[in-house]
Protein backbone atom coordinates (compact mmCIF):
# COMPACT_ATOMS: atom_id res chain seq x y z
CA MET A 1 -51.02 92.32 36.47
CA ILE A 2 -52.60 95.29 34.75
CA LYS A 3 -56.35 95.09 34.16
CA ILE A 4 -57.49 96.82 31.00
CA LYS A 5 -60.96 96.98 29.50
CA GLN A 6 -59.97 96.52 25.86
CA ALA A 7 -59.60 93.13 24.19
CA VAL A 8 -56.02 92.72 22.99
CA ILE A 9 -55.18 91.53 19.47
CA VAL A 10 -51.85 89.72 19.02
CA GLU A 11 -50.43 87.57 16.23
CA GLY A 12 -49.61 84.22 17.83
CA LYS A 13 -49.74 81.98 20.87
CA TYR A 14 -46.31 83.01 22.22
CA ASP A 15 -47.36 86.66 22.12
CA LYS A 16 -50.50 85.67 24.02
CA ILE A 17 -48.48 83.75 26.63
CA LYS A 18 -46.19 86.76 27.13
CA LEU A 19 -49.05 89.23 27.52
CA SER A 20 -51.05 86.90 29.77
CA SER A 21 -48.34 87.32 32.40
CA ILE A 22 -48.64 91.13 32.19
CA LEU A 23 -52.27 91.92 31.37
CA ASP A 24 -55.60 90.87 32.83
CA ALA A 25 -57.59 91.13 29.60
CA VAL A 26 -59.21 89.14 26.82
CA ILE A 27 -56.35 88.29 24.43
CA ILE A 28 -57.17 87.11 20.91
CA GLU A 29 -54.62 85.61 18.52
CA THR A 30 -54.95 86.29 14.80
CA GLU A 31 -52.86 83.16 14.14
CA GLY A 32 -50.80 85.22 11.74
CA PHE A 33 -52.59 85.82 8.44
CA ARG A 34 -55.15 83.07 9.17
CA VAL A 35 -57.53 85.75 10.46
CA PHE A 36 -57.86 87.04 6.87
CA LYS A 37 -59.99 83.97 6.02
CA ASP A 38 -61.41 83.09 9.44
CA LYS A 39 -64.89 84.66 9.32
CA GLU A 40 -65.77 83.35 12.78
CA LYS A 41 -62.75 85.06 14.36
CA GLN A 42 -63.40 88.26 12.40
CA HIS A 43 -66.94 88.26 13.78
CA LEU A 44 -65.66 87.78 17.35
CA ILE A 45 -63.13 90.62 16.93
CA ARG A 46 -65.86 92.97 15.65
CA LYS A 47 -68.15 91.99 18.52
CA LEU A 48 -65.43 92.67 21.10
CA ALA A 49 -64.46 95.92 19.37
CA LEU A 50 -68.00 97.27 19.61
CA THR A 51 -68.41 96.09 23.21
CA CYS A 52 -65.13 96.96 24.92
CA GLY A 53 -62.76 98.26 22.24
CA LEU A 54 -59.57 96.74 20.85
CA LEU A 55 -55.92 97.23 21.67
CA VAL A 56 -53.86 96.06 18.68
CA LEU A 57 -50.33 94.98 19.64
CA THR A 58 -48.74 93.18 16.70
CA ASP A 59 -45.06 92.92 15.82
CA SER A 60 -43.38 95.92 14.23
CA ASP A 61 -42.48 94.11 11.00
CA SER A 62 -44.32 94.20 7.67
CA ALA A 63 -46.51 91.21 8.61
CA GLY A 64 -47.59 92.94 11.83
CA PHE A 65 -48.56 96.07 9.92
CA LYS A 66 -50.54 94.04 7.34
CA ILE A 67 -52.54 92.52 10.19
CA ARG A 68 -53.12 95.99 11.73
CA SER A 69 -54.38 97.24 8.37
CA PHE A 70 -56.72 94.28 8.03
CA ILE A 71 -58.18 94.83 11.51
CA ALA A 72 -58.57 98.55 10.76
CA GLY A 73 -60.53 97.65 7.63
CA THR A 74 -62.99 95.42 9.46
CA VAL A 75 -63.59 97.39 12.68
CA PRO A 76 -64.67 101.04 13.17
CA GLY A 77 -61.62 103.21 13.76
CA GLU A 78 -62.95 104.69 16.99
CA CYS A 79 -62.96 101.19 18.51
CA ILE A 80 -59.21 100.63 17.96
CA THR A 81 -56.18 101.71 19.96
CA ASN A 82 -52.81 100.88 18.42
CA ALA A 83 -49.78 100.24 20.62
CA TYR A 84 -46.42 99.90 18.90
CA ILE A 85 -43.28 98.20 20.14
CA PRO A 86 -40.08 99.86 18.89
CA ASP A 87 -37.77 98.26 16.35
CA ILE A 88 -35.37 96.17 18.43
CA LEU A 89 -32.99 93.89 16.56
CA GLY A 90 -32.50 90.42 17.96
CA LYS A 91 -33.75 86.83 18.08
CA GLU A 92 -36.41 85.22 20.23
CA ARG A 93 -35.00 82.54 22.56
CA ARG A 94 -37.14 79.73 21.17
CA LYS A 95 -36.08 80.42 17.55
CA ILE A 96 -32.97 79.09 15.87
CA THR A 97 -32.55 82.08 13.54
CA ASN A 98 -33.62 85.71 13.45
CA SER A 99 -36.94 86.65 11.90
CA LYS A 100 -36.97 87.76 8.25
CA GLU A 101 -36.50 91.43 9.22
CA GLY A 102 -34.31 90.66 12.24
CA LYS A 103 -36.63 92.40 14.72
CA LEU A 104 -37.88 91.13 18.04
CA GLY A 105 -41.62 90.55 18.15
CA VAL A 106 -44.02 91.05 21.05
CA GLU A 107 -42.92 87.76 22.63
CA GLY A 108 -39.24 88.72 22.58
CA VAL A 109 -39.15 92.24 23.99
CA PRO A 110 -38.80 92.91 27.74
CA GLU A 111 -41.93 93.54 29.79
CA SER A 112 -40.80 97.15 30.36
CA VAL A 113 -40.92 97.79 26.60
CA ILE A 114 -44.49 96.51 26.40
CA LEU A 115 -45.56 98.64 29.37
CA GLU A 116 -43.98 101.70 27.79
CA ALA A 117 -45.81 100.96 24.49
CA LEU A 118 -49.11 100.76 26.39
CA ASN A 119 -48.32 103.99 28.20
CA ARG A 120 -47.56 105.80 24.93
CA ALA A 121 -50.84 104.50 23.49
CA GLY A 122 -52.73 106.01 26.43
CA ILE A 123 -53.81 102.67 27.88
CA THR A 124 -54.62 102.94 31.55
CA CYS A 125 -55.69 100.49 34.22
CA GLU A 126 -59.42 99.88 34.40
CA GLU A 127 -60.97 101.55 37.41
CA THR A 128 -64.36 100.52 38.67
CA SER A 129 -66.22 102.03 41.58
CA GLU A 130 -67.99 98.77 42.32
CA LYS A 131 -66.90 95.18 41.97
CA ARG A 132 -69.28 93.44 39.62
CA ARG A 133 -70.02 89.74 39.87
CA GLN A 134 -67.90 87.79 37.38
CA VAL A 135 -68.72 84.50 35.69
CA ASN A 136 -66.28 81.90 37.01
CA LYS A 137 -65.44 78.24 36.31
CA ASN A 138 -67.71 77.06 39.12
CA ASP A 139 -70.65 78.87 37.48
CA LEU A 140 -69.92 77.12 34.19
CA TYR A 141 -69.83 73.76 35.99
CA GLU A 142 -72.96 74.38 38.07
CA ASP A 143 -74.85 75.51 34.95
CA GLY A 144 -73.79 72.41 33.02
CA ILE A 145 -71.56 74.22 30.54
CA THR A 146 -68.54 72.14 31.61
CA GLY A 147 -67.88 68.86 33.39
CA LYS A 148 -71.30 67.23 33.08
CA LYS A 149 -72.96 64.63 30.87
CA ASN A 150 -74.62 67.04 28.43
CA SER A 151 -72.06 69.85 28.75
CA LYS A 152 -70.94 69.65 25.12
CA GLN A 153 -74.48 70.30 23.85
CA MET A 154 -75.16 72.94 26.51
CA LYS A 155 -71.95 74.82 25.74
CA ALA A 156 -72.70 74.69 22.00
CA ALA A 157 -76.23 76.03 22.63
CA LEU A 158 -74.93 78.87 24.81
CA LEU A 159 -72.26 79.84 22.26
CA LYS A 160 -74.84 79.83 19.47
CA HIS A 161 -77.29 81.89 21.52
CA LEU A 162 -74.60 84.47 22.32
CA ASP A 163 -73.29 84.46 18.74
CA LEU A 164 -69.80 83.32 19.79
CA PRO A 165 -67.34 80.97 18.02
CA GLU A 166 -68.00 77.29 18.70
CA ARG A 167 -64.31 76.47 19.27
CA LEU A 168 -63.78 78.69 22.34
CA SER A 169 -61.95 77.01 25.21
CA THR A 170 -63.46 77.22 28.70
CA ASN A 171 -60.92 79.85 29.80
CA SER A 172 -61.50 81.95 26.69
CA LEU A 173 -65.27 81.65 27.06
CA MET A 174 -65.10 82.85 30.67
CA LYS A 175 -62.94 85.87 29.79
CA ILE A 176 -65.11 86.82 26.82
CA LEU A 177 -68.34 86.46 28.81
CA ASN A 178 -66.96 88.79 31.48
CA ALA A 179 -65.83 91.27 28.82
CA PHE A 180 -69.19 91.86 27.20
CA ILE A 181 -72.08 90.69 29.35
CA THR A 182 -73.00 90.89 33.02
CA TYR A 183 -73.44 87.89 35.30
CA GLU A 184 -77.21 88.46 35.18
CA GLU A 185 -77.19 88.44 31.38
CA TYR A 186 -75.15 85.24 31.44
CA LYS A 187 -77.69 83.57 33.76
CA SER A 188 -80.51 84.76 31.54
CA ALA A 189 -78.79 83.19 28.51
CA VAL A 190 -78.29 79.91 30.39
CA ASN A 191 -81.96 79.87 31.45
CA PHE A 192 -83.02 80.52 27.86
CA CYS A 193 -80.89 77.60 26.60
CA ASN A 194 -82.24 75.31 29.34
CA ALA A 195 -85.85 76.22 28.50
CA LYS A 196 -85.21 75.63 24.80
CA GLU A 197 -83.68 72.21 25.58
CA GLU A 198 -86.66 71.25 27.75
CA ILE A 199 -89.10 72.19 24.97
CA ALA A 200 -87.06 70.20 22.43
CA ASN A 201 -87.12 67.12 24.70
CA ALA A 202 -90.81 67.41 25.64
């Protein structure tokens, strides 16, 4: 696994599954063109771009380039790194027929092709001199964000306080928290939400 600091933008869930086996990073799906209308996801992408930067790795067909252009129009250019997979003709295993342009997408190319694309884009492994404390699933449980009676309300309050999308899964929430805030900032946010809840119930 290669750990990179940038959040990675891909088109769909199969691209995300492929990259999740290669990269230790926050990976966000655009869900194809759905991102064009999804204001919540656009907001999350901008937030990540300004915090840790974006690596855009969409397919090399016309749809992939439309999505790249859209992202480039919503995020400052200095926050974006583009990685391009070469045009390789073929068909993904899970599909019955070739794509419209007959090219393999991110999900279909070999891992070596993806690594070479990252290398050409200048993406390097993240190096840190000290290991910082990460938010983990046990923290989310202990703080009542998951697995407890009022977890749904607590999670919603935390997401609202941090200005994050309400539909984030637990795994996505954990990765995103570790991408843009420290453990101490996370605890501070949890304490704020707890205090607010206590005042509301007083």
